[in-house]
């Protein structure tokens, strides 16, 4: 198992794909691990050296005392890149990983070639919504919210057509160690720290949106 030593934690990471290919960094959603990207590996490792990691408080990485902020989690990514001697990477973040990507784009644009932000926003949810989920997880573990989460991730038609994939997703959502006190209480409601503050030193960007 590969870990990077941060200033106050250990961050688990994993490499896949050819060593001489450009690096694509995947950042996962709240309550999941690097394995959420398993289904995409075959397609992307034909073009990229894929780097995945477990965020602070998730999977094999350290769960330090909280609360955490998006800026802190973005700083963890910068430390990861520094430790692995990566000047710039391609970046793909989903949900919370997308929020981390927004922060990176605002504060460390020179570390990114391009980034893809999936199923995310500068602010996600409300305090009431997240506090209810936190209470449920603290009382019953991740299994308490796995069902509703999978319902949001996968349509009923997909779950019917791909029952094995749906079961695997649900299992991964219930297994990883996850520190609810530190990981969920602050993140989704605080949002991206720069959503209303354009960074004048950031290079011009061309955002594109899409649906499937």
C-alpha atoms as a PDB file:
ATOM      1  CA  UNK A   1       0.000   0.000   0.000  1.00  0.00           C
ATOM      2  CA  UNK A   2       1.320   3.459  -0.901  1.00  0.00           C
ATOM      3  CA  UNK A   3       1.007   6.450   1.392  1.00  0.00           C
ATOM      4  CA  UNK A   4       2.174  10.050   1.251  1.00  0.00           C
ATOM      5  CA  UNK A   5       3.078  11.776   4.500  1.00  0.00           C
ATOM      6  CA  UNK A   6       1.223  15.057   4.835  1.00  0.00           C
ATOM      7  CA  UNK A   7       2.008  17.604   7.533  1.00  0.00           C
ATOM      8  CA  UNK A   8      -0.546  16.015   9.864  1.00  0.00           C
ATOM      9  CA  UNK A   9      -1.827  12.862   8.150  1.00  0.00           C
ATOM     10  CA  UNK A  10      -1.157   9.974   5.787  1.00  0.00           C
ATOM     11  CA  UNK A  11      -2.835   9.956   2.365  1.00  0.00           C
ATOM     12  CA  UNK A  12      -3.318   6.654   0.567  1.00  0.00           C
ATOM     13  CA  UNK A  13      -2.831   6.687  -3.202  1.00  0.00           C
ATOM     14  CA  UNK A  14      -2.659   4.213  -6.053  1.00  0.00           C
ATOM     15  CA  UNK A  15      -1.212   4.264  -9.570  1.00  0.00           C
ATOM     16  CA  UNK A  16      -2.600   2.506 -12.658  1.00  0.00           C
ATOM     17  CA  UNK A  17      -1.616   2.703 -16.304  1.00  0.00           C
ATOM     18  CA  UNK A  18       1.619   3.220 -18.268  1.00  0.00           C
ATOM     19  CA  UNK A  19       4.346   5.112 -16.444  1.00  0.00           C
ATOM     20  CA  UNK A  20       5.185   7.402 -19.382  1.00  0.00           C
ATOM     21  CA  UNK A  21       1.593   8.552 -19.983  1.00  0.00           C
ATOM     22  CA  UNK A  22       0.227  11.939 -18.823  1.00  0.00           C
ATOM     23  CA  UNK A  23      -1.154  11.839 -15.272  1.00  0.00           C
ATOM     24  CA  UNK A  24      -4.901  11.987 -14.628  1.00  0.00           C
ATOM     25  CA  UNK A  25      -5.882  12.504 -10.991  1.00  0.00           C
ATOM     26  CA  UNK A  26      -9.297  11.271  -9.853  1.00  0.00           C
ATOM     27  CA  UNK A  27     -10.933  12.736  -6.708  1.00  0.00           C
ATOM     28  CA  UNK A  28     -13.950  10.918  -5.323  1.00  0.00           C
ATOM     29  CA  UNK A  29     -17.180  11.863  -3.632  1.00  0.00           C
ATOM     30  CA  UNK A  30     -18.023  12.191   0.047  1.00  0.00           C
ATOM     31  CA  UNK A  31     -18.121   8.851   1.878  1.00  0.00           C
ATOM     32  CA  UNK A  32     -16.474   6.856  -0.926  1.00  0.00           C
ATOM     33  CA  UNK A  33     -12.946   5.696  -1.693  1.00  0.00           C
ATOM     34  CA  UNK A  34     -10.638   5.622  -4.706  1.00  0.00           C
ATOM     35  CA  UNK A  35     -12.350   2.388  -5.779  1.00  0.00           C
ATOM     36  CA  UNK A  36     -15.401   4.260  -6.992  1.00  0.00           C
ATOM     37  CA  UNK A  37     -13.380   4.834 -10.183  1.00  0.00           C
ATOM     38  CA  UNK A  38     -12.720   1.101 -10.816  1.00  0.00           C
ATOM     39  CA  UNK A  39     -15.234   0.875 -13.709  1.00  0.00           C
ATOM     40  CA  UNK A  40     -13.477   3.731 -15.544  1.00  0.00           C
ATOM     41  CA  UNK A  41      -9.932   2.384 -15.264  1.00  0.00           C
ATOM     42  CA  UNK A  42      -9.855   0.278 -18.410  1.00  0.00           C
ATOM     43  CA  UNK A  43     -10.955   3.171 -20.590  1.00  0.00           C
ATOM     44  CA  UNK A  44      -8.657   5.795 -19.082  1.00  0.00           C
ATOM     45  CA  UNK A  45      -5.487   3.773 -18.570  1.00  0.00           C
ATOM     46  CA  UNK A  46      -5.224   3.365 -22.329  1.00  0.00           C
ATOM     47  CA  UNK A  47      -4.462   7.092 -22.499  1.00  0.00           C
ATOM     48  CA  UNK A  48      -3.356   8.165 -19.011  1.00  0.00           C
ATOM     49  CA  UNK A  49      -1.312   7.238 -15.986  1.00  0.00           C
ATOM     50  CA  UNK A  50      -4.208   7.269 -13.495  1.00  0.00           C
ATOM     51  CA  UNK A  51      -3.621   8.468  -9.947  1.00  0.00           C
ATOM     52  CA  UNK A  52      -6.331   7.822  -7.361  1.00  0.00           C
ATOM     53  CA  UNK A  53      -6.345   8.595  -3.656  1.00  0.00           C
ATOM     54  CA  UNK A  54      -8.453   8.319  -0.515  1.00  0.00           C
ATOM     55  CA  UNK A  55      -9.237  11.748   0.837  1.00  0.00           C
ATOM     56  CA  UNK A  56      -8.620  12.701   4.436  1.00  0.00           C
ATOM     57  CA  UNK A  57     -11.079  10.830   6.668  1.00  0.00           C
ATOM     58  CA  UNK A  58     -11.855   8.253   3.959  1.00  0.00           C
ATOM     59  CA  UNK A  59     -10.728   4.728   3.160  1.00  0.00           C
ATOM     60  CA  UNK A  60      -7.120   4.001   4.107  1.00  0.00           C
ATOM     61  CA  UNK A  61      -6.174   7.640   4.721  1.00  0.00           C
ATOM     62  CA  UNK A  62      -5.913   9.186   8.176  1.00  0.00           C
ATOM     63  CA  UNK A  63      -9.049  10.538   9.856  1.00  0.00           C
ATOM     64  CA  UNK A  64      -7.641  13.529  11.721  1.00  0.00           C
ATOM     65  CA  UNK A  65      -9.733  15.599  14.169  1.00  0.00           C
ATOM     66  CA  UNK A  66     -12.073  17.944  12.362  1.00  0.00           C
ATOM     67  CA  UNK A  67     -13.835  19.824  11.091  1.00  0.00           C
ATOM     68  CA  UNK A  68     -12.350  19.781   7.593  1.00  0.00           C
ATOM     69  CA  UNK A  69     -12.723  22.466   4.919  1.00  0.00           C
ATOM     70  CA  UNK A  70     -12.598  22.322   1.134  1.00  0.00           C
ATOM     71  CA  UNK A  71      -9.481  24.501   1.233  1.00  0.00           C
ATOM     72  CA  UNK A  72      -7.839  21.994   3.568  1.00  0.00           C
ATOM     73  CA  UNK A  73      -8.706  19.054   1.293  1.00  0.00           C
ATOM     74  CA  UNK A  74      -7.418  20.974  -1.725  1.00  0.00           C
ATOM     75  CA  UNK A  75      -4.230  21.613   0.205  1.00  0.00           C
ATOM     76  CA  UNK A  76      -3.937  17.854   0.746  1.00  0.00           C
ATOM     77  CA  UNK A  77      -4.007  17.379  -3.023  1.00  0.00           C
ATOM     78  CA  UNK A  78      -1.248  19.951  -3.487  1.00  0.00           C
ATOM     79  CA  UNK A  79       0.854  18.130  -0.885  1.00  0.00           C
ATOM     80  CA  UNK A  80       0.174  14.854  -2.715  1.00  0.00           C
ATOM     81  CA  UNK A  81       1.361  16.335  -6.004  1.00  0.00           C
ATOM     82  CA  UNK A  82       4.436  17.799  -4.337  1.00  0.00           C
ATOM     83  CA  UNK A  83       5.343  14.501  -2.684  1.00  0.00           C
ATOM     84  CA  UNK A  84       5.000  12.636  -5.981  1.00  0.00           C
ATOM     85  CA  UNK A  85       6.951  15.373  -7.803  1.00  0.00           C
ATOM     86  CA  UNK A  86       4.085  16.153 -10.189  1.00  0.00           C
ATOM     87  CA  UNK A  87       4.115  19.717 -11.481  1.00  0.00           C
ATOM     88  CA  UNK A  88       0.814  19.544 -13.379  1.00  0.00           C
ATOM     89  CA  UNK A  89      -1.920  16.953 -13.833  1.00  0.00           C
ATOM     90  CA  UNK A  90      -5.234  16.456 -15.549  1.00  0.00           C
ATOM     91  CA  UNK A  91      -7.965  16.409 -12.909  1.00  0.00           C
ATOM     92  CA  UNK A  92     -11.395  14.814 -12.638  1.00  0.00           C
ATOM     93  CA  UNK A  93     -13.464  15.296  -9.496  1.00  0.00           C
ATOM     94  CA  UNK A  94     -16.964  14.087  -8.669  1.00  0.00           C
ATOM     95  CA  UNK A  95     -19.269  15.834  -6.195  1.00  0.00           C
ATOM     96  CA  UNK A  96     -16.974  16.711  -3.261  1.00  0.00           C
ATOM     97  CA  UNK A  97     -14.046  15.957  -5.567  1.00  0.00           C
ATOM     98  CA  UNK A  98     -15.454  18.577  -7.926  1.00  0.00           C
ATOM     99  CA  UNK A  99     -15.594  21.134  -5.113  1.00  0.00           C
ATOM    100  CA  UNK A 100     -11.959  20.368  -4.344  1.00  0.00           C
ATOM    101  CA  UNK A 101     -11.203  20.866  -8.044  1.00  0.00           C
ATOM    102  CA  UNK A 102     -12.871  24.291  -8.024  1.00  0.00           C
ATOM    103  CA  UNK A 103     -10.706  25.327  -5.098  1.00  0.00           C
ATOM    104  CA  UNK A 104      -7.584  24.035  -6.852  1.00  0.00           C
ATOM    105  CA  UNK A 105      -8.516  25.922 -10.001  1.00  0.00           C
ATOM    106  CA  UNK A 106      -8.891  29.139  -8.019  1.00  0.00           C
ATOM    107  CA  UNK A 107      -5.852  28.813  -5.775  1.00  0.00           C
ATOM    108  CA  UNK A 108      -3.373  26.638  -7.721  1.00  0.00           C
ATOM    109  CA  UNK A 109      -4.307  26.893 -11.414  1.00  0.00           C
ATOM    110  CA  UNK A 110      -0.720  26.260 -12.515  1.00  0.00           C
ATOM    111  CA  UNK A 111      -0.936  22.705 -11.138  1.00  0.00           C
ATOM    112  CA  UNK A 112      -3.700  21.737 -13.585  1.00  0.00           C
ATOM    113  CA  UNK A 113      -3.621  21.130 -17.321  1.00  0.00           C
ATOM    114  CA  UNK A 114      -7.385  20.752 -17.559  1.00  0.00           C
ATOM    115  CA  UNK A 115     -10.092  19.643 -15.164  1.00  0.00           C
ATOM    116  CA  UNK A 116     -13.458  17.924 -15.391  1.00  0.00           C
ATOM    117  CA  UNK A 117     -15.967  18.666 -12.621  1.00  0.00           C
ATOM    118  CA  UNK A 118     -18.716  16.037 -12.426  1.00  0.00           C
ATOM    119  CA  UNK A 119     -22.071  16.224 -10.627  1.00  0.00           C
ATOM    120  CA  UNK A 120     -20.958  19.060  -8.414  1.00  0.00           C
ATOM    121  CA  UNK A 121     -21.614  22.687  -7.495  1.00  0.00           C
ATOM    122  CA  UNK A 122     -20.018  25.504  -5.555  1.00  0.00           C
ATOM    123  CA  UNK A 123     -22.545  24.808  -2.769  1.00  0.00           C
ATOM    124  CA  UNK A 124     -24.304  21.500  -2.281  1.00  0.00           C
ATOM    125  CA  UNK A 125     -27.297  20.972  -0.012  1.00  0.00           C
ATOM    126  CA  UNK A 126     -28.343  22.730   3.169  1.00  0.00           C
ATOM    127  CA  UNK A 127     -27.285  22.340   6.802  1.00  0.00           C
ATOM    128  CA  UNK A 128     -30.569  20.574   7.614  1.00  0.00           C
ATOM    129  CA  UNK A 129     -30.096  17.990   4.850  1.00  0.00           C
ATOM    130  CA  UNK A 130     -26.521  17.187   5.823  1.00  0.00           C
ATOM    131  CA  UNK A 131     -27.099  17.197   9.554  1.00  0.00           C
ATOM    132  CA  UNK A 132     -29.881  14.641   9.075  1.00  0.00           C
ATOM    133  CA  UNK A 133     -27.553  12.398   7.054  1.00  0.00           C
ATOM    134  CA  UNK A 134     -24.784  12.761   9.619  1.00  0.00           C
ATOM    135  CA  UNK A 135     -27.139  11.777  12.436  1.00  0.00           C
ATOM    136  CA  UNK A 136     -28.274   8.724  10.457  1.00  0.00           C
ATOM    137  CA  UNK A 137     -24.695   7.601   9.768  1.00  0.00           C
ATOM    138  CA  UNK A 138     -23.619   8.112  13.368  1.00  0.00           C
ATOM    139  CA  UNK A 139     -26.541   5.957  14.522  1.00  0.00           C
ATOM    140  CA  UNK A 140     -26.463   3.225  11.875  1.00  0.00           C
ATOM    141  CA  UNK A 141     -23.226   3.524   9.922  1.00  0.00           C
ATOM    142  CA  UNK A 142     -22.969   4.153   6.185  1.00  0.00           C
ATOM    143  CA  UNK A 143     -25.524   1.386   5.564  1.00  0.00           C
ATOM    144  CA  UNK A 144     -28.147   3.772   6.912  1.00  0.00           C
ATOM    145  CA  UNK A 145     -27.748   6.073   3.889  1.00  0.00           C
ATOM    146  CA  UNK A 146     -26.376   3.675   1.255  1.00  0.00           C
ATOM    147  CA  UNK A 147     -29.782   2.941  -0.264  1.00  0.00           C
ATOM    148  CA  UNK A 148     -30.807   6.558  -0.907  1.00  0.00           C
ATOM    149  CA  UNK A 149     -27.300   7.378  -2.154  1.00  0.00           C
ATOM    150  CA  UNK A 150     -27.362   4.557  -4.717  1.00  0.00           C
ATOM    151  CA  UNK A 151     -30.872   5.632  -5.774  1.00  0.00           C
ATOM    152  CA  UNK A 152     -29.460   9.069  -6.582  1.00  0.00           C
ATOM    153  CA  UNK A 153     -26.378   7.691  -8.327  1.00  0.00           C
ATOM    154  CA  UNK A 154     -28.061   5.046 -10.505  1.00  0.00           C
ATOM    155  CA  UNK A 155     -31.418   5.148 -12.237  1.00  0.00           C
ATOM    156  CA  UNK A 156     -33.953   2.386 -11.627  1.00  0.00           C
ATOM    157  CA  UNK A 157     -33.515   1.210 -15.231  1.00  0.00           C
ATOM    158  CA  UNK A 158     -29.731   0.914 -14.801  1.00  0.00           C
ATOM    159  CA  UNK A 159     -30.072  -0.944 -11.492  1.00  0.00           C
ATOM    160  CA  UNK A 160     -32.437  -3.417 -13.142  1.00  0.00           C
ATOM    161  CA  UNK A 161     -30.219  -3.914 -16.193  1.00  0.00           C
ATOM    162  CA  UNK A 162     -26.967  -4.090 -14.162  1.00  0.00           C
ATOM    163  CA  UNK A 163     -27.798  -5.603 -10.763  1.00  0.00           C
ATOM    164  CA  UNK A 164     -24.209  -6.731 -10.125  1.00  0.00           C
ATOM    165  CA  UNK A 165     -22.841  -3.239 -10.680  1.00  0.00           C
ATOM    166  CA  UNK A 166     -25.514  -1.734  -8.420  1.00  0.00           C
ATOM    167  CA  UNK A 167     -24.684  -4.239  -5.657  1.00  0.00           C
ATOM    168  CA  UNK A 168     -20.973  -3.478  -5.944  1.00  0.00           C
ATOM    169  CA  UNK A 169     -21.625   0.261  -5.693  1.00  0.00           C
ATOM    170  CA  UNK A 170     -23.805  -0.237  -2.620  1.00  0.00           C
ATOM    171  CA  UNK A 171     -21.169  -2.440  -0.975  1.00  0.00           C
ATOM    172  CA  UNK A 172     -18.412   0.124  -1.545  1.00  0.00           C
ATOM    173  CA  UNK A 173     -20.635   2.819  -0.086  1.00  0.00           C
ATOM    174  CA  UNK A 174     -20.992   0.875   3.183  1.00  0.00           C
ATOM    175  CA  UNK A 175     -17.460  -0.484   3.679  1.00  0.00           C
ATOM    176  CA  UNK A 176     -14.921   2.375   3.824  1.00  0.00           C
ATOM    177  CA  UNK A 177     -13.916   3.855   7.168  1.00  0.00           C
ATOM    178  CA  UNK A 178     -15.395   7.340   7.247  1.00  0.00           C
ATOM    179  CA  UNK A 179     -15.212   9.992   9.940  1.00  0.00           C
ATOM    180  CA  UNK A 180     -18.614  11.694   9.888  1.00  0.00           C
ATOM    181  CA  UNK A 181     -17.781  14.205  12.618  1.00  0.00           C
ATOM    182  CA  UNK A 182     -14.927  15.585  10.593  1.00  0.00           C
ATOM    183  CA  UNK A 183     -15.793  14.892   6.977  1.00  0.00           C
ATOM    184  CA  UNK A 184     -19.440  15.760   6.483  1.00  0.00           C
ATOM    185  CA  UNK A 185     -20.439  18.359   9.029  1.00  0.00           C
ATOM    186  CA  UNK A 186     -18.688  21.262   7.314  1.00  0.00           C
ATOM    187  CA  UNK A 187     -18.000  20.357   3.702  1.00  0.00           C
ATOM    188  CA  UNK A 188     -21.169  20.432   1.601  1.00  0.00           C
ATOM    189  CA  UNK A 189     -22.788  23.448   3.262  1.00  0.00           C
ATOM    190  CA  UNK A 190     -19.720  25.633   3.273  1.00  0.00           C
ATOM    191  CA  UNK A 191     -19.172  25.143  -0.442  1.00  0.00           C
ATOM    192  CA  UNK A 192     -16.339  26.314  -2.589  1.00  0.00           C
ATOM    193  CA  UNK A 193     -14.560  29.135  -0.775  1.00  0.00           C
ATOM    194  CA  UNK A 194     -14.243  31.253  -3.924  1.00  0.00           C
ATOM    195  CA  UNK A 195     -17.633  30.873  -5.548  1.00  0.00           C
ATOM    196  CA  UNK A 196     -18.274  34.644  -5.313  1.00  0.00           C
ATOM    197  CA  UNK A 197     -14.689  35.867  -5.544  1.00  0.00           C
ATOM    198  CA  UNK A 198     -13.130  35.677  -9.015  1.00  0.00           C
ATOM    199  CA  UNK A 199      -9.376  35.278  -8.813  1.00  0.00           C
ATOM    200  CA  UNK A 200      -7.782  37.992 -10.970  1.00  0.00           C
ATOM    201  CA  UNK A 201      -4.540  36.044 -11.372  1.00  0.00           C
ATOM    202  CA  UNK A 202      -6.249  32.907 -12.671  1.00  0.00           C
ATOM    203  CA  UNK A 203      -5.616  32.325 -16.395  1.00  0.00           C
ATOM    204  CA  UNK A 204      -8.630  32.632 -18.726  1.00  0.00           C
ATOM    205  CA  UNK A 205     -10.848  29.562 -18.642  1.00  0.00           C
ATOM    206  CA  UNK A 206     -13.319  28.029 -21.051  1.00  0.00           C
ATOM    207  CA  UNK A 207     -15.824  26.056 -18.995  1.00  0.00           C
ATOM    208  CA  UNK A 208     -18.083  23.651 -20.835  1.00  0.00           C
ATOM    209  CA  UNK A 209     -21.103  21.793 -19.549  1.00  0.00           C
ATOM    210  CA  UNK A 210     -22.605  18.558 -20.737  1.00  0.00           C
ATOM    211  CA  UNK A 211     -25.149  15.883 -19.933  1.00  0.00           C
ATOM    212  CA  UNK A 212     -25.567  12.222 -20.723  1.00  0.00           C
END
